[in-house]
Each structure stands twice: as C-alpha cells, then as structure tokens.
C-alpha cells in the first residue's frame, strides 16, 4: 500500500521557511501599509517607586482564560 502524502523533508521545511520570510519582508516593505494603532501608541511610563503591575485588559483576559 502506498501513502498518498509524501514524507516531510528538511528541504521542504527550509523552502517553506524561506517563502514565509520572503512574504513577510514584502509585506513590511509595501508602501502605504499602515501599522496597527496599538503599535503606534506610546508606552505607559514606569512608576517612580517601582511596581509596574497594572490590571490591563490583557491581564484580565489572561485571568479569565486561566480559570478552572
């Protein structure tokens, strides 16, 4: 009996990785493509007395997904 799918090879893996990198490079280099607004926002300054923990939306979402 013959397999319908070929075995994965290193050559195919590296070809796929190179193609993915090339597509990513082209996507970054395209003129007129806007960066997401979240990337353009200034980061919040760190607290003067240390700490740095804030209950952001990201942290709240993590806590909701981590509940059992």
PDB file of N, CA and C in Angstrom:
ATOM      1  N   UNK A   1       0.841  -1.167   0.000  1.00  0.00           N
ATOM      2  CA  UNK A   1       0.000   0.000   0.000  1.00  0.00           C
ATOM      3  C   UNK A   1       0.894   1.242   0.000  1.00  0.00           C
ATOM      4  N   UNK A   2       0.549   2.211  -0.811  1.00  0.00           N
ATOM      5  CA  UNK A   2       1.370   3.410  -0.943  1.00  0.00           C
ATOM      6  C   UNK A   2       0.682   4.583  -0.246  1.00  0.00           C
ATOM      7  N   UNK A   3       1.489   5.390   0.482  1.00  0.00           N
ATOM      8  CA  UNK A   3       0.938   6.561   1.168  1.00  0.00           C
ATOM      9  C   UNK A   3       0.558   7.620   0.141  1.00  0.00           C
ATOM     10  N   UNK A   4      -0.561   8.301   0.395  1.00  0.00           N
ATOM     11  CA  UNK A   4      -0.986   9.348  -0.526  1.00  0.00           C
ATOM     12  C   UNK A   4      -0.253  10.663  -0.266  1.00  0.00           C
ATOM     13  N   UNK A   5       0.332  10.796   0.921  1.00  0.00           N
ATOM     14  CA  UNK A   5       1.066  12.011   1.249  1.00  0.00           C
ATOM     15  C   UNK A   5       2.561  11.707   1.307  1.00  0.00           C
ATOM     16  N   UNK A   6       3.378  12.586   0.711  1.00  0.00           N
ATOM     17  CA  UNK A   6       4.826  12.369   0.783  1.00  0.00           C
ATOM     18  C   UNK A   6       5.346  12.645   2.191  1.00  0.00           C
ATOM     19  N   UNK A   7       6.479  12.046   2.520  1.00  0.00           N
ATOM     20  CA  UNK A   7       7.104  12.281   3.818  1.00  0.00           C
ATOM     21  C   UNK A   7       7.636  13.704   3.882  1.00  0.00           C
ATOM     22  N   UNK A   8       7.519  14.348   5.032  1.00  0.00           N
ATOM     23  CA  UNK A   8       8.102  15.686   5.152  1.00  0.00           C
ATOM     24  C   UNK A   8       9.625  15.596   5.094  1.00  0.00           C
ATOM     25  N   UNK A   9      10.230  16.581   4.467  1.00  0.00           N
ATOM     26  CA  UNK A   9      11.682  16.572   4.357  1.00  0.00           C
ATOM     27  C   UNK A   9      12.256  17.892   4.851  1.00  0.00           C
ATOM     28  N   UNK A  10      13.529  17.874   5.155  1.00  0.00           N
ATOM     29  CA  UNK A  10      14.196  19.113   5.582  1.00  0.00           C
ATOM     30  C   UNK A  10      14.203  20.134   4.463  1.00  0.00           C
ATOM     31  N   UNK A  11      14.378  19.674   3.247  1.00  0.00           N
ATOM     32  CA  UNK A  11      14.410  20.590   2.107  1.00  0.00           C
ATOM     33  C   UNK A  11      13.080  21.331   1.981  1.00  0.00           C
ATOM     34  N   UNK A  12      11.988  20.607   2.143  1.00  0.00           N
ATOM     35  CA  UNK A  12      10.671  21.233   2.085  1.00  0.00           C
ATOM     36  C   UNK A  12      10.453  22.204   3.228  1.00  0.00           C
ATOM     37  N   UNK A  13      10.933  21.843   4.402  1.00  0.00           N
ATOM     38  CA  UNK A  13      10.808  22.726   5.557  1.00  0.00           C
ATOM     39  C   UNK A  13      11.539  24.038   5.313  1.00  0.00           C
ATOM     40  N   UNK A  14      12.782  23.957   4.843  1.00  0.00           N
ATOM     41  CA  UNK A  14      13.560  25.163   4.613  1.00  0.00           C
ATOM     42  C   UNK A  14      12.986  25.990   3.464  1.00  0.00           C
ATOM     43  N   UNK A  15      12.432  25.328   2.457  1.00  0.00           N
ATOM     44  CA  UNK A  15      11.782  26.055   1.370  1.00  0.00           C
ATOM     45  C   UNK A  15      10.576  26.819   1.909  1.00  0.00           C
ATOM     46  N   UNK A  16       9.783  26.192   2.759  1.00  0.00           N
ATOM     47  CA  UNK A  16       8.623  26.855   3.347  1.00  0.00           C
ATOM     48  C   UNK A  16       9.023  28.009   4.240  1.00  0.00           C
ATOM     49  N   UNK A  17      10.081  27.823   5.025  1.00  0.00           N
ATOM     50  CA  UNK A  17      10.558  28.887   5.905  1.00  0.00           C
ATOM     51  C   UNK A  17      11.067  30.076   5.088  1.00  0.00           C
ATOM     52  N   UNK A  18      11.772  29.800   4.004  1.00  0.00           N
ATOM     53  CA  UNK A  18      12.281  30.879   3.161  1.00  0.00           C
ATOM     54  C   UNK A  18      11.132  31.624   2.483  1.00  0.00           C
ATOM     55  N   UNK A  19      10.143  30.898   2.035  1.00  0.00           N
ATOM     56  CA  UNK A  19       8.995  31.535   1.390  1.00  0.00           C
ATOM     57  C   UNK A  19       8.234  32.402   2.383  1.00  0.00           C
ATOM     58  N   UNK A  20       8.065  31.915   3.600  1.00  0.00           N
ATOM     59  CA  UNK A  20       7.372  32.689   4.626  1.00  0.00           C
ATOM     60  C   UNK A  20       8.146  33.962   4.950  1.00  0.00           C
ATOM     61  N   UNK A  21       9.457  33.865   5.059  1.00  0.00           N
ATOM     62  CA  UNK A  21      10.283  35.039   5.318  1.00  0.00           C
ATOM     63  C   UNK A  21      10.205  36.049   4.186  1.00  0.00           C
ATOM     64  N   UNK A  22      10.180  35.568   2.974  1.00  0.00           N
ATOM     65  CA  UNK A  22      10.104  36.469   1.828  1.00  0.00           C
ATOM     66  C   UNK A  22       8.765  37.201   1.801  1.00  0.00           C
ATOM     67  N   UNK A  23       7.697  36.490   2.092  1.00  0.00           N
ATOM     68  CA  UNK A  23       6.374  37.119   2.122  1.00  0.00           C
ATOM     69  C   UNK A  23       6.314  38.168   3.237  1.00  0.00           C
ATOM     70  N   UNK A  24       6.886  37.860   4.386  1.00  0.00           N
ATOM     71  CA  UNK A  24       6.895  38.815   5.498  1.00  0.00           C
ATOM     72  C   UNK A  24       7.700  40.056   5.133  1.00  0.00           C
ATOM     73  N   UNK A  25       8.828  39.875   4.459  1.00  0.00           N
ATOM     74  CA  UNK A  25       9.656  41.014   4.065  1.00  0.00           C
ATOM     75  C   UNK A  25       8.936  41.898   3.056  1.00  0.00           C
ATOM     76  N   UNK A  26       8.227  41.295   2.140  1.00  0.00           N
ATOM     77  CA  UNK A  26       7.477  42.067   1.149  1.00  0.00           C
ATOM     78  C   UNK A  26       6.340  42.821   1.827  1.00  0.00           C
ATOM     79  N   UNK A  27       5.674  42.178   2.779  1.00  0.00           N
ATOM     80  CA  UNK A  27       4.558  42.830   3.470  1.00  0.00           C
ATOM     81  C   UNK A  27       5.034  44.050   4.258  1.00  0.00           C
ATOM     82  N   UNK A  28       6.216  43.975   4.824  1.00  0.00           N
ATOM     83  CA  UNK A  28       6.755  45.107   5.585  1.00  0.00           C
ATOM     84  C   UNK A  28       7.188  46.216   4.639  1.00  0.00           C
ATOM     85  N   UNK A  29       7.712  45.872   3.483  1.00  0.00           N
ATOM     86  CA  UNK A  29       8.274  46.860   2.567  1.00  0.00           C
ATOM     87  C   UNK A  29       7.235  47.551   1.690  1.00  0.00           C
ATOM     88  N   UNK A  30       6.002  47.063   1.675  1.00  0.00           N
ATOM     89  CA  UNK A  30       4.992  47.669   0.812  1.00  0.00           C
ATOM     90  C   UNK A  30       4.693  49.103   1.249  1.00  0.00           C
ATOM     91  N   UNK A  31       4.682  50.015   0.303  1.00  0.00           N
ATOM     92  CA  UNK A  31       4.348  51.396   0.661  1.00  0.00           C
ATOM     93  C   UNK A  31       2.843  51.531   0.916  1.00  0.00           C
ATOM     94  N   UNK A  32       2.512  52.423   1.809  1.00  0.00           N
ATOM     95  CA  UNK A  32       1.104  52.693   2.071  1.00  0.00           C
ATOM     96  C   UNK A  32       0.455  51.763   3.071  1.00  0.00           C
ATOM     97  N   UNK A  33       1.169  50.787   3.567  1.00  0.00           N
ATOM     98  CA  UNK A  33       0.605  49.876   4.545  1.00  0.00           C
ATOM     99  C   UNK A  33       0.724  50.529   5.915  1.00  0.00           C
ATOM    100  N   UNK A  34      -0.376  50.634   6.624  1.00  0.00           N
ATOM    101  CA  UNK A  34      -0.396  51.286   7.918  1.00  0.00           C
ATOM    102  C   UNK A  34      -0.131  50.274   9.026  1.00  0.00           C
ATOM    103  N   UNK A  35       0.622  50.692  10.023  1.00  0.00           N
ATOM    104  CA  UNK A  35       0.859  49.858  11.198  1.00  0.00           C
ATOM    105  C   UNK A  35      -0.385  49.895  12.069  1.00  0.00           C
ATOM    106  N   UNK A  36      -0.646  48.828  12.813  1.00  0.00           N
ATOM    107  CA  UNK A  36      -1.801  48.854  13.720  1.00  0.00           C
ATOM    108  C   UNK A  36      -1.669  49.990  14.731  1.00  0.00           C
ATOM    109  N   UNK A  37      -2.813  50.534  15.127  1.00  0.00           N
ATOM    110  CA  UNK A  37      -2.790  51.674  16.051  1.00  0.00           C
ATOM    111  C   UNK A  37      -2.175  51.308  17.391  1.00  0.00           C
ATOM    112  N   UNK A  38      -2.324  50.074  17.828  1.00  0.00           N
ATOM    113  CA  UNK A  38      -1.765  49.664  19.116  1.00  0.00           C
ATOM    114  C   UNK A  38      -0.243  49.774  19.108  1.00  0.00           C
ATOM    115  N   UNK A  39       0.372  49.542  17.966  1.00  0.00           N
ATOM    116  CA  UNK A  39       1.828  49.629  17.882  1.00  0.00           C
ATOM    117  C   UNK A  39       2.303  51.081  17.881  1.00  0.00           C
ATOM    118  N   UNK A  40       1.433  52.005  17.508  1.00  0.00           N
ATOM    119  CA  UNK A  40       1.816  53.399  17.423  1.00  0.00           C
ATOM    120  C   UNK A  40       1.641  54.145  18.734  1.00  0.00           C
ATOM    121  N   UNK A  41       0.922  53.567  19.694  1.00  0.00           N
ATOM    122  CA  UNK A  41       0.694  54.241  20.964  1.00  0.00           C
ATOM    123  C   UNK A  41       1.967  54.257  21.799  1.00  0.00           C
ATOM    124  N   UNK A  42       2.128  55.338  22.546  1.00  0.00           N
ATOM    125  CA  UNK A  42       3.275  55.463  23.431  1.00  0.00           C
ATOM    126  C   UNK A  42       3.090  54.545  24.634  1.00  0.00           C
ATOM    127  N   UNK A  43       4.143  53.865  25.077  1.00  0.00           N
ATOM    128  CA  UNK A  43       4.005  53.016  26.265  1.00  0.00           C
ATOM    129  C   UNK A  43       3.812  53.868  27.510  1.00  0.00           C
ATOM    130  N   UNK A  44       3.121  53.288  28.491  1.00  0.00           N
ATOM    131  CA  UNK A  44       2.912  53.994  29.745  1.00  0.00           C
ATOM    132  C   UNK A  44       4.245  54.107  30.475  1.00  0.00           C
ATOM    133  N   UNK A  45       4.498  55.248  31.107  1.00  0.00           N
ATOM    134  CA  UNK A  45       5.755  55.374  31.856  1.00  0.00           C
ATOM    135  C   UNK A  45       5.740  54.462  33.082  1.00  0.00           C
ATOM    136  N   UNK A  46       6.915  53.991  33.464  1.00  0.00           N
ATOM    137  CA  UNK A  46       7.030  53.111  34.630  1.00  0.00           C
ATOM    138  C   UNK A  46       6.813  53.929  35.899  1.00  0.00           C
ATOM    139  N   UNK A  47       6.224  53.308  36.913  1.00  0.00           N
ATOM    140  CA  UNK A  47       6.037  54.034  38.174  1.00  0.00           C
ATOM    141  C   UNK A  47       7.380  54.431  38.783  1.00  0.00           C
ATOM    142  N   UNK A  48       7.400  55.556  39.470  1.00  0.00           N
ATOM    143  CA  UNK A  48       8.644  56.061  40.042  1.00  0.00           C
ATOM    144  C   UNK A  48       9.172  55.175  41.160  1.00  0.00           C
ATOM    145  N   UNK A  49       8.277  54.596  41.948  1.00  0.00           N
ATOM    146  CA  UNK A  49       8.704  53.801  43.093  1.00  0.00           C
ATOM    147  C   UNK A  49       8.648  52.306  42.803  1.00  0.00           C
ATOM    148  N   UNK A  50       8.781  51.925  41.563  1.00  0.00           N
ATOM    149  CA  UNK A  50       8.747  50.514  41.221  1.00  0.00           C
ATOM    150  C   UNK A  50       7.321  50.029  41.096  1.00  0.00           C
ATOM    151  N   UNK A  51       7.148  48.757  41.134  1.00  0.00           N
ATOM    152  CA  UNK A  51       5.803  48.215  40.963  1.00  0.00           C
ATOM    153  C   UNK A  51       5.620  47.822  39.521  1.00  0.00           C
ATOM    154  N   UNK A  52       4.999  48.603  38.762  1.00  0.00           N
ATOM    155  CA  UNK A  52       4.867  48.346  37.346  1.00  0.00           C
ATOM    156  C   UNK A  52       3.720  47.437  36.960  1.00  0.00           C
ATOM    157  N   UNK A  53       3.084  46.760  37.930  1.00  0.00           N
ATOM    158  CA  UNK A  53       1.968  45.882  37.597  1.00  0.00           C
ATOM    159  C   UNK A  53       0.722  46.717  37.425  1.00  0.00           C
ATOM    160  N   UNK A  54       0.005  46.475  36.353  1.00  0.00           N
ATOM    161  CA  UNK A  54      -1.284  47.139  36.176  1.00  0.00           C
ATOM    162  C   UNK A  54      -2.269  46.116  35.635  1.00  0.00           C
ATOM    163  N   UNK A  55      -3.488  46.239  36.054  1.00  0.00           N
ATOM    164  CA  UNK A  55      -4.533  45.311  35.644  1.00  0.00           C
ATOM    165  C   UNK A  55      -5.087  45.782  34.307  1.00  0.00           C
ATOM    166  N   UNK A  56      -4.381  45.441  33.246  1.00  0.00           N
ATOM    167  CA  UNK A  56      -4.783  45.863  31.907  1.00  0.00           C
ATOM    168  C   UNK A  56      -5.779  44.860  31.331  1.00  0.00           C
ATOM    169  N   UNK A  57      -6.313  45.183  30.161  1.00  0.00           N
ATOM    170  CA  UNK A  57      -7.252  44.271  29.500  1.00  0.00           C
ATOM    171  C   UNK A  57      -6.587  42.937  29.197  1.00  0.00           C
ATOM    172  N   UNK A  58      -5.305  42.988  28.825  1.00  0.00           N
ATOM    173  CA  UNK A  58      -4.571  41.765  28.520  1.00  0.00           C
ATOM    174  C   UNK A  58      -4.492  40.866  29.747  1.00  0.00           C
ATOM    175  N   UNK A  59      -4.201  41.440  30.899  1.00  0.00           N
ATOM    176  CA  UNK A  59      -4.084  40.675  32.141  1.00  0.00           C
ATOM    177  C   UNK A  59      -5.443  40.121  32.544  1.00  0.00           C
ATOM    178  N   UNK A  60      -6.499  40.917  32.419  1.00  0.00           N
ATOM    179  CA  UNK A  60      -7.848  40.448  32.739  1.00  0.00           C
ATOM    180  C   UNK A  60      -8.238  39.267  31.850  1.00  0.00           C
ATOM    181  N   UNK A  61      -7.897  39.352  30.559  1.00  0.00           N
ATOM    182  CA  UNK A  61      -8.217  38.267  29.628  1.00  0.00           C
ATOM    183  C   UNK A  61      -7.460  36.996  30.013  1.00  0.00           C
ATOM    184  N   UNK A  62      -6.201  37.160  30.438  1.00  0.00           N
ATOM    185  CA  UNK A  62      -5.426  36.002  30.873  1.00  0.00           C
ATOM    186  C   UNK A  62      -6.072  35.343  32.082  1.00  0.00           C
ATOM    187  N   UNK A  63      -6.471  36.151  33.063  1.00  0.00           N
ATOM    188  CA  UNK A  63      -7.084  35.588  34.256  1.00  0.00           C
ATOM    189  C   UNK A  63      -8.378  34.849  33.924  1.00  0.00           C
ATOM    190  N   UNK A  64      -9.137  35.348  32.965  1.00  0.00           N
ATOM    191  CA  UNK A  64     -10.376  34.658  32.577  1.00  0.00           C
ATOM    192  C   UNK A  64     -10.077  33.326  31.903  1.00  0.00           C
ATOM    193  N   UNK A  65      -9.048  33.262  31.103  1.00  0.00           N
ATOM    194  CA  UNK A  65      -8.731  32.010  30.406  1.00  0.00           C
ATOM    195  C   UNK A  65      -8.050  31.016  31.334  1.00  0.00           C
ATOM    196  N   UNK A  66      -7.426  31.493  32.424  1.00  0.00           N
ATOM    197  CA  UNK A  66      -6.700  30.609  33.327  1.00  0.00           C
ATOM    198  C   UNK A  66      -7.609  29.997  34.392  1.00  0.00           C
ATOM    199  N   UNK A  67      -8.837  30.468  34.492  1.00  0.00           N
ATOM    200  CA  UNK A  67      -9.757  29.898  35.491  1.00  0.00           C
ATOM    201  C   UNK A  67     -10.057  28.447  35.167  1.00  0.00           C
ATOM    202  N   UNK A  68     -10.235  27.679  36.198  1.00  0.00           N
ATOM    203  CA  UNK A  68     -10.577  26.270  36.001  1.00  0.00           C
ATOM    204  C   UNK A  68     -12.031  26.014  36.200  1.00  0.00           C
TER     205      UNK A  68
END
